[in-house]
């Protein structure tokens, strides 16, 4: 039988609001992710100060996912290049 590991519980602040995050990642990772989300939300808010919190959150998610997909494509391209060089 596998032992169930305790979940990490971390309280973070994003846009001056506290959130308790529960998960498998260690606390420092959760704090880093929250800090990056907060930073991205602040950047978007500076460009669009009229946005309400919900719209700001959706735009932050869209921007973050776009960045993620671009990095994922770059990674796949690099892996392809490496395989060509070795093959």
N, C-alpha and C. Protein backbone atom coordinates (compact mmCIF):
# COMPACT_ATOMS: atom_id res chain seq x y z
N UNK A 1 0.82 -1.19 0.00
CA UNK A 1 0.00 0.00 0.00
C UNK A 1 0.87 1.26 0.00
N UNK A 2 0.47 2.25 -0.75
CA UNK A 2 1.23 3.50 -0.82
C UNK A 2 0.81 4.43 0.31
N UNK A 3 1.80 5.11 0.86
CA UNK A 3 1.51 6.07 1.91
C UNK A 3 1.03 7.37 1.31
N UNK A 4 -0.04 7.91 1.86
CA UNK A 4 -0.54 9.19 1.37
C UNK A 4 0.33 10.31 1.94
N UNK A 5 0.82 11.16 1.03
CA UNK A 5 1.66 12.27 1.48
C UNK A 5 0.78 13.45 1.88
N UNK A 6 1.26 14.20 2.86
CA UNK A 6 0.54 15.39 3.28
C UNK A 6 0.62 16.45 2.20
N UNK A 7 -0.47 17.15 2.04
CA UNK A 7 -0.53 18.25 1.07
C UNK A 7 0.14 19.48 1.69
N UNK A 8 0.73 20.28 0.83
CA UNK A 8 1.31 21.54 1.27
C UNK A 8 0.20 22.58 1.28
N UNK A 9 0.14 23.38 2.33
CA UNK A 9 -0.85 24.44 2.46
C UNK A 9 -0.09 25.75 2.62
N UNK A 10 -0.27 26.66 1.64
CA UNK A 10 0.48 27.91 1.64
C UNK A 10 -0.50 29.06 1.40
N UNK A 11 -0.37 30.11 2.18
CA UNK A 11 -1.17 31.31 1.95
C UNK A 11 -0.30 32.30 1.19
N UNK A 12 -0.83 32.78 0.06
CA UNK A 12 -0.11 33.72 -0.80
C UNK A 12 -0.98 34.96 -0.99
N UNK A 13 -0.36 36.02 -1.47
CA UNK A 13 -1.10 37.23 -1.75
C UNK A 13 -0.95 37.58 -3.23
N UNK A 14 -2.09 37.76 -3.87
CA UNK A 14 -2.13 38.16 -5.28
C UNK A 14 -3.07 39.35 -5.39
N UNK A 15 -2.54 40.46 -5.90
CA UNK A 15 -3.32 41.69 -6.04
C UNK A 15 -3.99 42.08 -4.72
N UNK A 16 -3.20 42.03 -3.64
CA UNK A 16 -3.63 42.45 -2.30
C UNK A 16 -4.77 41.61 -1.74
N UNK A 17 -4.86 40.37 -2.19
CA UNK A 17 -5.87 39.46 -1.66
C UNK A 17 -5.19 38.14 -1.31
N UNK A 18 -5.54 37.58 -0.16
CA UNK A 18 -4.92 36.33 0.28
C UNK A 18 -5.65 35.12 -0.27
N UNK A 19 -4.85 34.14 -0.67
CA UNK A 19 -5.38 32.87 -1.17
C UNK A 19 -4.62 31.75 -0.49
N UNK A 20 -5.32 30.72 -0.05
CA UNK A 20 -4.67 29.54 0.50
C UNK A 20 -4.64 28.49 -0.59
N UNK A 21 -3.43 28.07 -0.94
CA UNK A 21 -3.22 27.08 -1.99
C UNK A 21 -2.85 25.76 -1.32
N UNK A 22 -3.54 24.70 -1.72
CA UNK A 22 -3.26 23.37 -1.19
C UNK A 22 -2.86 22.49 -2.36
N UNK A 23 -1.71 21.82 -2.23
CA UNK A 23 -1.26 20.98 -3.33
C UNK A 23 -0.04 20.15 -2.97
N UNK A 24 0.52 19.54 -3.99
CA UNK A 24 1.67 18.64 -3.80
C UNK A 24 3.02 19.34 -3.91
N UNK A 25 3.04 20.54 -4.49
CA UNK A 25 4.30 21.26 -4.66
C UNK A 25 4.78 21.82 -3.33
N UNK A 26 6.12 22.05 -3.23
CA UNK A 26 6.60 22.61 -1.98
C UNK A 26 6.26 24.10 -1.90
N UNK A 27 6.30 24.63 -0.70
CA UNK A 27 5.85 26.00 -0.42
C UNK A 27 6.60 27.04 -1.25
N UNK A 28 7.89 26.87 -1.43
CA UNK A 28 8.66 27.87 -2.18
C UNK A 28 8.21 27.90 -3.65
N UNK A 29 7.87 26.76 -4.21
CA UNK A 29 7.38 26.72 -5.59
C UNK A 29 6.02 27.43 -5.70
N UNK A 30 5.13 27.16 -4.76
CA UNK A 30 3.81 27.80 -4.77
C UNK A 30 3.96 29.32 -4.64
N UNK A 31 4.85 29.76 -3.77
CA UNK A 31 5.07 31.21 -3.61
C UNK A 31 5.63 31.83 -4.89
N UNK A 32 6.52 31.13 -5.56
CA UNK A 32 7.08 31.62 -6.82
C UNK A 32 5.99 31.76 -7.87
N UNK A 33 5.17 30.73 -8.02
CA UNK A 33 4.08 30.77 -8.99
C UNK A 33 3.13 31.93 -8.68
N UNK A 34 2.76 32.08 -7.42
CA UNK A 34 1.86 33.17 -7.02
C UNK A 34 2.48 34.52 -7.32
N UNK A 35 3.77 34.64 -7.06
CA UNK A 35 4.47 35.90 -7.33
C UNK A 35 4.46 36.23 -8.82
N UNK A 36 4.66 35.22 -9.66
CA UNK A 36 4.64 35.44 -11.11
C UNK A 36 3.24 35.81 -11.59
N UNK A 37 2.22 35.18 -11.03
CA UNK A 37 0.84 35.53 -11.38
C UNK A 37 0.55 36.97 -10.98
N UNK A 38 0.96 37.34 -9.77
CA UNK A 38 0.76 38.71 -9.28
C UNK A 38 1.46 39.71 -10.18
N UNK A 39 2.69 39.40 -10.56
CA UNK A 39 3.47 40.28 -11.44
C UNK A 39 2.79 40.44 -12.80
N UNK A 40 2.33 39.33 -13.39
CA UNK A 40 1.67 39.38 -14.69
C UNK A 40 0.37 40.18 -14.61
N UNK A 41 -0.37 40.00 -13.52
CA UNK A 41 -1.62 40.76 -13.36
C UNK A 41 -1.33 42.25 -13.23
N UNK A 42 -0.29 42.60 -12.53
CA UNK A 42 0.07 44.01 -12.37
C UNK A 42 0.48 44.62 -13.72
N UNK A 43 1.25 43.87 -14.51
CA UNK A 43 1.67 44.34 -15.83
C UNK A 43 0.45 44.60 -16.72
N UNK A 44 -0.46 43.66 -16.74
CA UNK A 44 -1.66 43.80 -17.58
C UNK A 44 -2.53 44.95 -17.07
N UNK A 45 -2.63 45.07 -15.76
CA UNK A 45 -3.44 46.15 -15.18
C UNK A 45 -2.85 47.52 -15.52
N UNK A 46 -1.53 47.63 -15.55
CA UNK A 46 -0.90 48.90 -15.92
C UNK A 46 -1.27 49.31 -17.34
N UNK A 47 -1.40 48.34 -18.24
CA UNK A 47 -1.75 48.63 -19.63
C UNK A 47 -3.26 48.84 -19.81
N UNK A 48 -4.05 48.27 -18.90
CA UNK A 48 -5.52 48.32 -18.99
C UNK A 48 -6.12 48.60 -17.62
N UNK A 49 -5.92 49.80 -17.05
CA UNK A 49 -6.37 50.06 -15.69
C UNK A 49 -7.88 50.01 -15.49
N UNK A 50 -8.65 50.02 -16.57
CA UNK A 50 -10.10 50.00 -16.44
C UNK A 50 -10.66 48.59 -16.22
N UNK A 51 -9.83 47.56 -16.36
CA UNK A 51 -10.31 46.18 -16.25
C UNK A 51 -10.77 45.85 -14.84
N UNK A 52 -11.89 45.13 -14.75
CA UNK A 52 -12.31 44.62 -13.44
C UNK A 52 -11.49 43.38 -13.12
N UNK A 53 -11.59 42.90 -11.90
CA UNK A 53 -10.76 41.78 -11.45
C UNK A 53 -10.98 40.52 -12.28
N UNK A 54 -12.21 40.21 -12.61
CA UNK A 54 -12.49 38.99 -13.39
C UNK A 54 -11.87 39.08 -14.78
N UNK A 55 -12.03 40.21 -15.44
CA UNK A 55 -11.44 40.38 -16.78
C UNK A 55 -9.93 40.34 -16.70
N UNK A 56 -9.37 40.95 -15.67
CA UNK A 56 -7.93 40.94 -15.47
C UNK A 56 -7.42 39.52 -15.27
N UNK A 57 -8.16 38.73 -14.49
CA UNK A 57 -7.77 37.34 -14.25
C UNK A 57 -7.81 36.52 -15.54
N UNK A 58 -8.86 36.72 -16.35
CA UNK A 58 -8.98 35.98 -17.61
C UNK A 58 -7.86 36.37 -18.57
N UNK A 59 -7.59 37.66 -18.69
CA UNK A 59 -6.49 38.10 -19.57
C UNK A 59 -5.15 37.57 -19.09
N UNK A 60 -4.96 37.51 -17.79
CA UNK A 60 -3.72 36.97 -17.24
C UNK A 60 -3.60 35.49 -17.59
N UNK A 61 -4.69 34.75 -17.46
CA UNK A 61 -4.68 33.32 -17.81
C UNK A 61 -4.39 33.13 -19.29
N UNK A 62 -5.02 33.93 -20.14
CA UNK A 62 -4.80 33.82 -21.59
C UNK A 62 -3.35 34.15 -21.94
N UNK A 63 -2.81 35.22 -21.37
CA UNK A 63 -1.42 35.59 -21.63
C UNK A 63 -0.46 34.51 -21.13
N UNK A 64 -0.73 33.98 -19.95
CA UNK A 64 0.15 32.96 -19.38
C UNK A 64 0.11 31.68 -20.21
N UNK A 65 -1.08 31.28 -20.67
CA UNK A 65 -1.19 30.08 -21.48
C UNK A 65 -0.52 30.29 -22.84
N UNK A 66 -0.65 31.48 -23.39
CA UNK A 66 0.03 31.80 -24.65
C UNK A 66 1.55 31.68 -24.48
N UNK A 67 2.06 32.23 -23.39
CA UNK A 67 3.50 32.12 -23.11
C UNK A 67 3.91 30.65 -22.96
N UNK A 68 3.08 29.88 -22.25
CA UNK A 68 3.36 28.46 -22.03
C UNK A 68 3.41 27.71 -23.36
N UNK A 69 2.43 27.93 -24.22
CA UNK A 69 2.40 27.23 -25.51
C UNK A 69 3.57 27.62 -26.39
N UNK A 70 3.97 28.89 -26.36
CA UNK A 70 5.14 29.32 -27.14
C UNK A 70 6.40 28.61 -26.64
N UNK A 71 6.56 28.53 -25.33
CA UNK A 71 7.72 27.82 -24.77
C UNK A 71 7.67 26.33 -25.10
N UNK A 72 6.49 25.75 -25.06
CA UNK A 72 6.33 24.33 -25.37
C UNK A 72 6.72 24.06 -26.83
N UNK A 73 6.31 24.94 -27.73
CA UNK A 73 6.68 24.80 -29.14
C UNK A 73 8.19 24.95 -29.33
N UNK A 74 8.78 25.93 -28.65
CA UNK A 74 10.23 26.12 -28.72
C UNK A 74 10.97 24.88 -28.22
N UNK A 75 10.47 24.31 -27.13
CA UNK A 75 11.07 23.12 -26.56
C UNK A 75 11.00 21.95 -27.54
N UNK A 76 9.83 21.76 -28.15
CA UNK A 76 9.66 20.67 -29.12
C UNK A 76 10.59 20.88 -30.32
N UNK A 77 10.73 22.12 -30.74
CA UNK A 77 11.62 22.43 -31.86
C UNK A 77 13.07 22.14 -31.50
N UNK A 78 13.47 22.52 -30.31
CA UNK A 78 14.84 22.23 -29.86
C UNK A 78 15.09 20.74 -29.76
N UNK A 79 14.11 19.99 -29.23
CA UNK A 79 14.27 18.54 -29.16
C UNK A 79 14.42 17.95 -30.56
N UNK A 80 13.62 18.45 -31.50
CA UNK A 80 13.74 17.99 -32.89
C UNK A 80 15.10 18.26 -33.47
N UNK A 81 15.64 19.44 -33.18
CA UNK A 81 16.99 19.79 -33.68
C UNK A 81 18.05 18.88 -33.08
N UNK A 82 17.92 18.60 -31.82
CA UNK A 82 18.89 17.71 -31.14
C UNK A 82 18.84 16.33 -31.73
N UNK A 83 17.63 15.82 -31.97
CA UNK A 83 17.48 14.47 -32.55
C UNK A 83 18.07 14.41 -33.95
N UNK A 84 17.91 15.47 -34.74
CA UNK A 84 18.47 15.51 -36.10
C UNK A 84 19.99 15.48 -36.04
N UNK A 85 20.57 16.25 -35.08
CA UNK A 85 22.03 16.30 -34.96
C UNK A 85 22.59 14.95 -34.55
N UNK A 86 21.87 14.24 -33.69
CA UNK A 86 22.36 12.93 -33.21
C UNK A 86 22.08 11.83 -34.21
N UNK A 87 21.06 12.00 -35.02
CA UNK A 87 20.62 10.93 -35.93
C UNK A 87 21.39 10.92 -37.17
